[in-house]
Amino acid sequence: MGLVQREIEAAGFTTIILSPIADLTASLSVPRVAAIEYPCGRTFGQPGDAAGQMAVLRATLDALAAIDAPGAVVNLPFEWRIAQRGAQPIH
């Protein structure tokens, strides 16, 4: 994903990646990372939770607007609260 993101940036578009594994993602030298404490595969939250998904999208876009230097990681203010087998955040 980092390679694609860098190519899009080279074309003049600002990008951000939403990642539940921010340390790993940042190690790929991506331009901007929005870190979220959600499980892999559920980065935007629970299926059918349109309000929660919209909140994640808005927070990600706000982070994109706020980051002024490439390489920054912003921790989004969301926490996984639903205990489900196989759907736990990676720490």
PDB file of N, CA and C in Angstrom:
ATOM      1  N   MET A   1       0.817  -1.193   0.000  1.00  0.00           N
ATOM      2  CA  MET A   1       0.000   0.000   0.000  1.00  0.00           C
ATOM      3  C   MET A   1       0.859   1.255   0.000  1.00  0.00           C
ATOM      4  N   GLY A   2       1.992   1.216   0.712  1.00  0.00           N
ATOM      5  CA  GLY A   2       2.860   2.381   0.782  1.00  0.00           C
ATOM      6  C   GLY A   2       3.375   2.822  -0.573  1.00  0.00           C
ATOM      7  N   LEU A   3       3.705   1.869  -1.432  1.00  0.00           N
ATOM      8  CA  LEU A   3       4.193   2.196  -2.770  1.00  0.00           C
ATOM      9  C   LEU A   3       3.116   2.914  -3.573  1.00  0.00           C
ATOM     10  N   VAL A   4       1.901   2.419  -3.515  1.00  0.00           N
ATOM     11  CA  VAL A   4       0.784   3.055  -4.226  1.00  0.00           C
ATOM     12  C   VAL A   4       0.547   4.455  -3.675  1.00  0.00           C
ATOM     13  N   GLN A   5       0.578   4.578  -2.359  1.00  0.00           N
ATOM     14  CA  GLN A   5       0.356   5.877  -1.728  1.00  0.00           C
ATOM     15  C   GLN A   5       1.424   6.883  -2.161  1.00  0.00           C
ATOM     16  N   ARG A   6       2.674   6.466  -2.200  1.00  0.00           N
ATOM     17  CA  ARG A   6       3.747   7.377  -2.629  1.00  0.00           C
ATOM     18  C   ARG A   6       3.578   7.791  -4.090  1.00  0.00           C
ATOM     19  N   GLU A   7       3.145   6.875  -4.946  1.00  0.00           N
ATOM     20  CA  GLU A   7       2.925   7.210  -6.362  1.00  0.00           C
ATOM     21  C   GLU A   7       1.782   8.212  -6.517  1.00  0.00           C
ATOM     22  N   ILE A   8       0.718   8.032  -5.752  1.00  0.00           N
ATOM     23  CA  ILE A   8      -0.405   8.977  -5.798  1.00  0.00           C
ATOM     24  C   ILE A   8       0.056  10.352  -5.321  1.00  0.00           C
ATOM     25  N   GLU A   9       0.867  10.379  -4.267  1.00  0.00           N
ATOM     26  CA  GLU A   9       1.414  11.644  -3.768  1.00  0.00           C
ATOM     27  C   GLU A   9       2.303  12.305  -4.823  1.00  0.00           C
ATOM     28  N   ALA A  10       3.091  11.512  -5.533  1.00  0.00           N
ATOM     29  CA  ALA A  10       3.971  12.047  -6.574  1.00  0.00           C
ATOM     30  C   ALA A  10       3.173  12.707  -7.694  1.00  0.00           C
ATOM     31  N   ALA A  11       1.928  12.256  -7.875  1.00  0.00           N
ATOM     32  CA  ALA A  11       1.059  12.844  -8.893  1.00  0.00           C
ATOM     33  C   ALA A  11       0.366  14.110  -8.388  1.00  0.00           C
ATOM     34  N   GLY A  12       0.630  14.487  -7.132  1.00  0.00           N
ATOM     35  CA  GLY A  12       0.097  15.737  -6.613  1.00  0.00           C
ATOM     36  C   GLY A  12      -1.103  15.617  -5.690  1.00  0.00           C
ATOM     37  N   PHE A  13      -1.470  14.405  -5.327  1.00  0.00           N
ATOM     38  CA  PHE A  13      -2.614  14.195  -4.440  1.00  0.00           C
ATOM     39  C   PHE A  13      -2.125  13.866  -3.034  1.00  0.00           C
ATOM     40  N   THR A  14      -2.763  14.448  -2.033  1.00  0.00           N
ATOM     41  CA  THR A  14      -2.427  14.161  -0.644  1.00  0.00           C
ATOM     42  C   THR A  14      -3.167  12.907  -0.213  1.00  0.00           C
ATOM     43  N   THR A  15      -2.468  12.003   0.487  1.00  0.00           N
ATOM     44  CA  THR A  15      -3.075  10.731   0.885  1.00  0.00           C
ATOM     45  C   THR A  15      -2.869  10.468   2.373  1.00  0.00           C
ATOM     46  N   ILE A  16      -3.700   9.565   2.883  1.00  0.00           N
ATOM     47  CA  ILE A  16      -3.560   9.074   4.250  1.00  0.00           C
ATOM     48  C   ILE A  16      -4.013   7.625   4.245  1.00  0.00           C
ATOM     49  N   ILE A  17      -3.411   6.815   5.096  1.00  0.00           N
ATOM     50  CA  ILE A  17      -3.815   5.421   5.200  1.00  0.00           C
ATOM     51  C   ILE A  17      -4.371   5.196   6.599  1.00  0.00           C
ATOM     52  N   LEU A  18      -5.512   4.546   6.685  1.00  0.00           N
ATOM     53  CA  LEU A  18      -6.141   4.183   7.950  1.00  0.00           C
ATOM     54  C   LEU A  18      -5.636   2.797   8.317  1.00  0.00           C
ATOM     55  N   SER A  19      -4.973   2.689   9.464  1.00  0.00           N
ATOM     56  CA  SER A  19      -4.309   1.429   9.790  1.00  0.00           C
ATOM     57  C   SER A  19      -4.536   0.986  11.233  1.00  0.00           C
ATOM     58  N   PRO A  20      -4.876  -0.291  11.415  1.00  0.00           N
ATOM     59  CA  PRO A  20      -4.955  -0.840  12.765  1.00  0.00           C
ATOM     60  C   PRO A  20      -3.584  -1.300  13.281  1.00  0.00           C
ATOM     61  N   ILE A  21      -2.579  -1.253  12.424  1.00  0.00           N
ATOM     62  CA  ILE A  21      -1.217  -1.656  12.791  1.00  0.00           C
ATOM     63  C   ILE A  21      -0.291  -0.490  12.433  1.00  0.00           C
ATOM     64  N   ALA A  22      -0.427   0.598  13.155  1.00  0.00           N
ATOM     65  CA  ALA A  22       0.248   1.844  12.790  1.00  0.00           C
ATOM     66  C   ALA A  22       1.764   1.729  12.781  1.00  0.00           C
ATOM     67  N   ASP A  23       2.346   1.018  13.744  1.00  0.00           N
ATOM     68  CA  ASP A  23       3.809   0.899  13.785  1.00  0.00           C
ATOM     69  C   ASP A  23       4.344   0.229  12.526  1.00  0.00           C
ATOM     70  N   LEU A  24       3.714  -0.852  12.126  1.00  0.00           N
ATOM     71  CA  LEU A  24       4.129  -1.553  10.911  1.00  0.00           C
ATOM     72  C   LEU A  24       3.915  -0.674   9.688  1.00  0.00           C
ATOM     73  N   THR A  25       2.763  -0.041   9.605  1.00  0.00           N
ATOM     74  CA  THR A  25       2.457   0.815   8.458  1.00  0.00           C
ATOM     75  C   THR A  25       3.448   1.968   8.367  1.00  0.00           C
ATOM     76  N   ALA A  26       3.739   2.608   9.487  1.00  0.00           N
ATOM     77  CA  ALA A  26       4.685   3.730   9.488  1.00  0.00           C
ATOM     78  C   ALA A  26       6.085   3.285   9.083  1.00  0.00           C
ATOM     79  N   SER A  27       6.446   2.046   9.395  1.00  0.00           N
ATOM     80  CA  SER A  27       7.778   1.550   9.029  1.00  0.00           C
ATOM     81  C   SER A  27       7.942   1.396   7.518  1.00  0.00           C
ATOM     82  N   LEU A  28       6.832   1.451   6.784  1.00  0.00           N
ATOM     83  CA  LEU A  28       6.878   1.354   5.322  1.00  0.00           C
ATOM     84  C   LEU A  28       7.109   2.708   4.666  1.00  0.00           C
ATOM     85  N   SER A  29       7.349   3.734   5.479  1.00  0.00           N
ATOM     86  CA  SER A  29       7.607   5.098   5.002  1.00  0.00           C
ATOM     87  C   SER A  29       6.455   5.665   4.187  1.00  0.00           C
ATOM     88  N   VAL A  30       5.242   5.419   4.639  1.00  0.00           N
ATOM     89  CA  VAL A  30       4.082   6.006   3.969  1.00  0.00           C
ATOM     90  C   VAL A  30       3.983   7.476   4.366  1.00  0.00           C
ATOM     91  N   PRO A  31       3.377   8.308   3.526  1.00  0.00           N
ATOM     92  CA  PRO A  31       3.329   9.740   3.821  1.00  0.00           C
ATOM     93  C   PRO A  31       2.562  10.110   5.093  1.00  0.00           C
ATOM     94  N   ARG A  32       1.400   9.497   5.337  1.00  0.00           N
ATOM     95  CA  ARG A  32       0.577   9.844   6.493  1.00  0.00           C
ATOM     96  C   ARG A  32      -0.187   8.619   6.956  1.00  0.00           C
ATOM     97  N   VAL A  33      -0.308   8.473   8.293  1.00  0.00           N
ATOM     98  CA  VAL A  33      -1.019   7.328   8.863  1.00  0.00           C
ATOM     99  C   VAL A  33      -2.043   7.824   9.877  1.00  0.00           C
ATOM    100  N   ALA A  34      -3.263   7.325   9.762  1.00  0.00           N
ATOM    101  CA  ALA A  34      -4.283   7.504  10.794  1.00  0.00           C
ATOM    102  C   ALA A  34      -4.390   6.161  11.502  1.00  0.00           C
ATOM    103  N   ALA A  35      -3.953   6.113  12.762  1.00  0.00           N
ATOM    104  CA  ALA A  35      -3.947   4.864  13.526  1.00  0.00           C
ATOM    105  C   ALA A  35      -5.280   4.683  14.235  1.00  0.00           C
ATOM    106  N   ILE A  36      -5.787   3.450  14.209  1.00  0.00           N
ATOM    107  CA  ILE A  36      -7.059   3.159  14.867  1.00  0.00           C
ATOM    108  C   ILE A  36      -6.944   1.840  15.617  1.00  0.00           C
ATOM    109  N   GLU A  37      -7.511   1.778  16.808  1.00  0.00           N
ATOM    110  CA  GLU A  37      -7.468   0.579  17.653  1.00  0.00           C
ATOM    111  C   GLU A  37      -8.639  -0.344  17.328  1.00  0.00           C
ATOM    112  N   TYR A  38      -8.774  -0.691  16.067  1.00  0.00           N
ATOM    113  CA  TYR A  38      -9.814  -1.619  15.624  1.00  0.00           C
ATOM    114  C   TYR A  38      -9.124  -2.849  15.051  1.00  0.00           C
ATOM    115  N   PRO A  39      -9.807  -3.975  15.006  1.00  0.00           N
ATOM    116  CA  PRO A  39      -9.201  -5.193  14.456  1.00  0.00           C
ATOM    117  C   PRO A  39      -8.959  -5.087  12.948  1.00  0.00           C
ATOM    118  N   CYS A  40      -7.988  -5.835  12.476  1.00  0.00           N
ATOM    119  CA  CYS A  40      -7.763  -5.936  11.032  1.00  0.00           C
ATOM    120  C   CYS A  40      -9.044  -6.466  10.392  1.00  0.00           C
ATOM    121  N   GLY A  41      -9.406  -5.898   9.282  1.00  0.00           N
ATOM    122  CA  GLY A  41     -10.623  -6.310   8.597  1.00  0.00           C
ATOM    123  C   GLY A  41     -11.857  -5.568   9.066  1.00  0.00           C
ATOM    124  N   ARG A  42     -11.723  -4.813  10.135  1.00  0.00           N
ATOM    125  CA  ARG A  42     -12.843  -4.018  10.664  1.00  0.00           C
ATOM    126  C   ARG A  42     -12.387  -2.578  10.885  1.00  0.00           C
ATOM    127  N   THR A  43     -11.548  -2.098  10.014  1.00  0.00           N
ATOM    128  CA  THR A  43     -10.919  -0.793  10.180  1.00  0.00           C
ATOM    129  C   THR A  43     -11.931   0.338  10.314  1.00  0.00           C
ATOM    130  N   PHE A  44     -13.077   0.205   9.666  1.00  0.00           N
ATOM    131  CA  PHE A  44     -14.111   1.235   9.773  1.00  0.00           C
ATOM    132  C   PHE A  44     -15.167   0.891  10.810  1.00  0.00           C
ATOM    133  N   GLY A  45     -15.029  -0.230  11.504  1.00  0.00           N
ATOM    134  CA  GLY A  45     -15.971  -0.573  12.559  1.00  0.00           C
ATOM    135  C   GLY A  45     -16.888  -1.721  12.198  1.00  0.00           C
ATOM    136  N   GLN A  46     -17.967  -1.813  12.941  1.00  0.00           N
ATOM    137  CA  GLN A  46     -18.916  -2.907  12.778  1.00  0.00           C
ATOM    138  C   GLN A  46     -19.718  -2.780  11.484  1.00  0.00           C
ATOM    139  N   PRO A  47     -19.994  -3.909  10.826  1.00  0.00           N
ATOM    140  CA  PRO A  47     -20.879  -3.883   9.660  1.00  0.00           C
ATOM    141  C   PRO A  47     -22.247  -3.333  10.066  1.00  0.00           C
ATOM    142  N   GLY A  48     -22.799  -2.488   9.247  1.00  0.00           N
ATOM    143  CA  GLY A  48     -24.121  -1.927   9.501  1.00  0.00           C
ATOM    144  C   GLY A  48     -24.131  -0.711  10.412  1.00  0.00           C
ATOM    145  N   ASP A  49     -22.993  -0.338  10.975  1.00  0.00           N
ATOM    146  CA  ASP A  49     -22.918   0.827  11.862  1.00  0.00           C
ATOM    147  C   ASP A  49     -22.523   2.052  11.044  1.00  0.00           C
ATOM    148  N   ALA A  50     -23.478   2.563  10.279  1.00  0.00           N
ATOM    149  CA  ALA A  50     -23.192   3.676   9.374  1.00  0.00           C
ATOM    150  C   ALA A  50     -22.698   4.910  10.127  1.00  0.00           C
ATOM    151  N   ALA A  51     -23.273   5.205  11.276  1.00  0.00           N
ATOM    152  CA  ALA A  51     -22.858   6.391  12.036  1.00  0.00           C
ATOM    153  C   ALA A  51     -21.417   6.240  12.531  1.00  0.00           C
ATOM    154  N   GLY A  52     -21.077   5.062  13.024  1.00  0.00           N
ATOM    155  CA  GLY A  52     -19.711   4.820  13.484  1.00  0.00           C
ATOM    156  C   GLY A  52     -18.714   4.866  12.343  1.00  0.00           C
ATOM    157  N   GLN A  53     -19.085   4.298  11.207  1.00  0.00           N
ATOM    158  CA  GLN A  53     -18.207   4.303  10.037  1.00  0.00           C
ATOM    159  C   GLN A  53     -17.996   5.725   9.526  1.00  0.00           C
ATOM    160  N   MET A  54     -19.061   6.526   9.540  1.00  0.00           N
ATOM    161  CA  MET A  54     -18.941   7.922   9.106  1.00  0.00           C
ATOM    162  C   MET A  54     -18.045   8.703  10.067  1.00  0.00           C
ATOM    163  N   ALA A  55     -18.131   8.410  11.355  1.00  0.00           N
ATOM    164  CA  ALA A  55     -17.271   9.083  12.339  1.00  0.00           C
ATOM    165  C   ALA A  55     -15.800   8.762  12.077  1.00  0.00           C
ATOM    166  N   VAL A  56     -15.501   7.503  11.755  1.00  0.00           N
ATOM    167  CA  VAL A  56     -14.122   7.112  11.442  1.00  0.00           C
ATOM    168  C   VAL A  56     -13.649   7.829  10.178  1.00  0.00           C
ATOM    169  N   LEU A  57     -14.491   7.863   9.156  1.00  0.00           N
ATOM    170  CA  LEU A  57     -14.128   8.544   7.911  1.00  0.00           C
ATOM    171  C   LEU A  57     -13.856  10.024   8.161  1.00  0.00           C
ATOM    172  N   ARG A  58     -14.734  10.678   8.901  1.00  0.00           N
ATOM    173  CA  ARG A  58     -14.543  12.109   9.180  1.00  0.00           C
ATOM    174  C   ARG A  58     -13.259  12.355   9.976  1.00  0.00           C
ATOM    175  N   ALA A  59     -13.007  11.526  10.970  1.00  0.00           N
ATOM    176  CA  ALA A  59     -11.788  11.687  11.769  1.00  0.00           C
ATOM    177  C   ALA A  59     -10.539  11.475  10.915  1.00  0.00           C
ATOM    178  N   THR A  60     -10.607  10.527   9.985  1.00  0.00           N
ATOM    179  CA  THR A  60      -9.476  10.275   9.092  1.00  0.00           C
ATOM    180  C   THR A  60      -9.236  11.474   8.178  1.00  0.00           C
ATOM    181  N   LEU A  61     -10.300  12.038   7.633  1.00  0.00           N
ATOM    182  CA  LEU A  61     -10.160  13.218   6.770  1.00  0.00           C
ATOM    183  C   LEU A  61      -9.692  14.435   7.569  1.00  0.00           C
ATOM    184  N   ASP A  62     -10.154  14.569   8.822  1.00  0.00           N
ATOM    185  CA  ASP A  62      -9.663  15.650   9.682  1.00  0.00           C
ATOM    186  C   ASP A  62      -8.163  15.494   9.934  1.00  0.00           C
ATOM    187  N   ALA A  63      -7.720  14.264  10.161  1.00  0.00           N
ATOM    188  CA  ALA A  63      -6.293  14.003  10.360  1.00  0.00           C
ATOM    189  C   ALA A  63      -5.511  14.365   9.107  1.00  0.00           C
ATOM    190  N   LEU A  64      -6.050  14.023   7.950  1.00  0.00           N
ATOM    191  CA  LEU A  64      -5.394  14.356   6.684  1.00  0.00           C
ATOM    192  C   LEU A  64      -5.207  15.864   6.564  1.00  0.00           C
ATOM    193  N   ALA A  65      -6.234  16.623   6.924  1.00  0.00           N
ATOM    194  CA  ALA A  65      -6.156  18.084   6.840  1.00  0.00           C
ATOM    195  C   ALA A  65      -5.193  18.667   7.876  1.00  0.00           C
ATOM    196  N   ALA A  66      -5.062  18.004   9.022  1.00  0.00           N
ATOM    197  CA  ALA A  66      -4.241  18.538  10.112  1.00  0.00           C
ATOM    198  C   ALA A  66      -2.755  18.226   9.973  1.00  0.00           C
ATOM    199  N   ILE A  67      -2.420  17.146   9.305  1.00  0.00           N
ATOM    200  CA  ILE A  67      -1.010  16.753   9.187  1.00  0.00           C
ATOM    201  C   ILE A  67      -0.308  17.682   8.209  1.00  0.00           C
ATOM    202  N   ASP A  68       0.757  18.318   8.685  1.00  0.00           N
ATOM    203  CA  ASP A  68       1.465  19.257   7.813  1.00  0.00           C
ATOM    204  C   ASP A  68       2.827  18.755   7.367  1.00  0.00           C
ATOM    205  N   ALA A  69       3.228  17.576   7.854  1.00  0.00           N
ATOM    206  CA  ALA A  69       4.526  17.038   7.456  1.00  0.00           C
ATOM    207  C   ALA A  69       4.398  15.557   7.117  1.00  0.00           C
ATOM    208  N   PRO A  70       4.967  15.137   6.001  1.00  0.00           N
ATOM    209  CA  PRO A  70       4.918  13.718   5.645  1.00  0.00           C
ATOM    210  C   PRO A  70       5.566  12.849   6.727  1.00  0.00           C
ATOM    211  N   GLY A  71       5.057  11.649   6.866  1.00  0.00           N
ATOM    212  CA  GLY A  71       5.591  10.706   7.834  1.00  0.00           C
ATOM    213  C   GLY A  71       4.890  10.733   9.178  1.00  0.00           C
ATOM    214  N   ALA A  72       3.914  11.604   9.334  1.00  0.00           N
ATOM    215  CA  ALA A  72       3.227  11.742  10.618  1.00  0.00           C
ATOM    216  C   ALA A  72       2.223  10.614  10.848  1.00  0.00           C
ATOM    217  N   VAL A  73       2.051  10.275  12.125  1.00  0.00           N
ATOM    218  CA  VAL A  73       1.051   9.295  12.543  1.00  0.00           C
ATOM    219  C   VAL A  73       0.109   9.992  13.512  1.00  0.00           C
ATOM    220  N   VAL A  74      -1.188   9.936  13.229  1.00  0.00           N
ATOM    221  CA  VAL A  74      -2.205  10.510  14.105  1.00  0.00           C
ATOM    222  C   VAL A  74      -3.023   9.367  14.683  1.00  0.00           C
ATOM    223  N   ASN A  75      -3.159   9.336  15.998  1.00  0.00           N
ATOM    224  CA  ASN A  75      -3.979   8.319  16.653  1.00  0.00           C
ATOM    225  C   ASN A  75      -5.415   8.804  16.719  1.00  0.00           C
ATOM    226  N   LEU A  76      -6.311   8.057  16.087  1.00  0.00           N
ATOM    227  CA  LEU A  76      -7.719   8.432  16.095  1.00  0.00           C
ATOM    228  C   LEU A  76      -8.355   8.057  17.434  1.00  0.00           C
ATOM    229  N   PRO A  77      -9.378   8.811  17.856  1.00  0.00           N
ATOM    230  CA  PRO A  77      -9.962   8.624  19.190  1.00  0.00           C
ATOM    231  C   PRO A  77     -11.032   7.536  19.255  1.00  0.00           C
ATOM    232  N   PHE A  78     -10.744   6.380  18.696  1.00  0.00           N
ATOM    233  CA  PHE A  78     -11.718   5.288  18.698  1.00  0.00           C
ATOM    234  C   PHE A  78     -11.112   4.074  19.380  1.00  0.00           C
ATOM    235  N   GLU A  79     -11.950   3.333  20.069  1.00  0.00           N
ATOM    236  CA  GLU A  79     -11.503   2.141  20.782  1.00  0.00           C
ATOM    237  C   GLU A  79     -12.498   1.013  20.522  1.00  0.00           C
ATOM    238  N   TRP A  80     -11.984  -0.167  20.240  1.00  0.00           N
ATOM    239  CA  TRP A  80     -12.830  -1.332  19.976  1.00  0.00           C
ATOM    240  C   TRP A  80     -13.463  -1.789  21.284  1.00  0.00           C
ATOM    241  N   ARG A  81     -14.764  -1.797  21.361  1.00  0.00           N
ATOM    242  CA  ARG A  81     -15.453  -2.124  22.603  1.00  0.00           C
ATOM    243  C   ARG A  81     -16.206  -3.447  22.550  1.00  0.00           C
ATOM    244  N   ILE A  82     -16.288  -4.051  21.415  1.00  0.00           N
ATOM    245  CA  ILE A  82     -17.080  -5.268  21.269  1.00  0.00           C
ATOM    246  C   ILE A  82     -16.162  -6.475  21.340  1.00  0.00           C
ATOM    247  N   ALA A  83     -16.364  -7.294  22.340  1.00  0.00           N
ATOM    248  CA  ALA A  83     -15.549  -8.505  22.495  1.00  0.00           C
ATOM    249  C   ALA A  83     -16.120  -9.593  21.596  1.00  0.00           C
ATOM    250  N   GLN A  84     -15.417  -9.865  20.529  1.00  0.00           N
ATOM    251  CA  GLN A  84     -15.825 -10.912  19.599  1.00  0.00           C
ATOM    252  C   GLN A  84     -14.633 -11.800  19.333  1.00  0.00           C
ATOM    253  N   ARG A  85     -14.882 -13.048  19.294  1.00  0.00           N
ATOM    254  CA  ARG A  85     -13.813 -13.987  18.987  1.00  0.00           C
ATOM    255  C   ARG A  85     -13.272 -13.694  17.590  1.00  0.00           C
ATOM    256  N   GLY A  86     -11.986 -13.567  17.490  1.00  0.00           N
ATOM    257  CA  GLY A  86     -11.354 -13.343  16.192  1.00  0.00           C
ATOM    258  C   GLY A  86     -11.429 -11.911  15.704  1.00  0.00           C
ATOM    259  N   ALA A  87     -11.939 -11.001  16.506  1.00  0.00           N
ATOM    260  CA  ALA A  87     -12.028  -9.606  16.082  1.00  0.00           C
ATOM    261  C   ALA A  87     -11.490  -8.713  17.193  1.00  0.00           C
ATOM    262  N   GLN A  88     -10.220  -8.849  17.480  1.00  0.00           N
ATOM    263  CA  GLN A  88      -9.577  -8.062  18.527  1.00  0.00           C
ATOM    264  C   GLN A  88      -8.495  -7.183  17.912  1.00  0.00           C
ATOM    265  N   PRO A  89      -8.330  -5.978  18.445  1.00  0.00           N
ATOM    266  CA  PRO A  89      -7.274  -5.115  17.922  1.00  0.00           C
ATOM    267  C   PRO A  89      -5.890  -5.699  18.187  1.00  0.00           C
ATOM    268  N   ILE A  90      -4.961  -5.341  17.348  1.00  0.00           N
ATOM    269  CA  ILE A  90      -3.570  -5.767  17.494  1.00  0.00           C
ATOM    270  C   ILE A  90      -2.831  -4.677  18.252  1.00  0.00           C
ATOM    271  N   HIS A  91      -2.126  -5.044  19.298  1.00  0.00           N
ATOM    272  CA  HIS A  91      -1.389  -4.038  20.091  1.00  0.00           C
ATOM    273  C   HIS A  91       0.074  -4.171  19.870  1.00  0.00           C
TER     274      HIS A  91
END
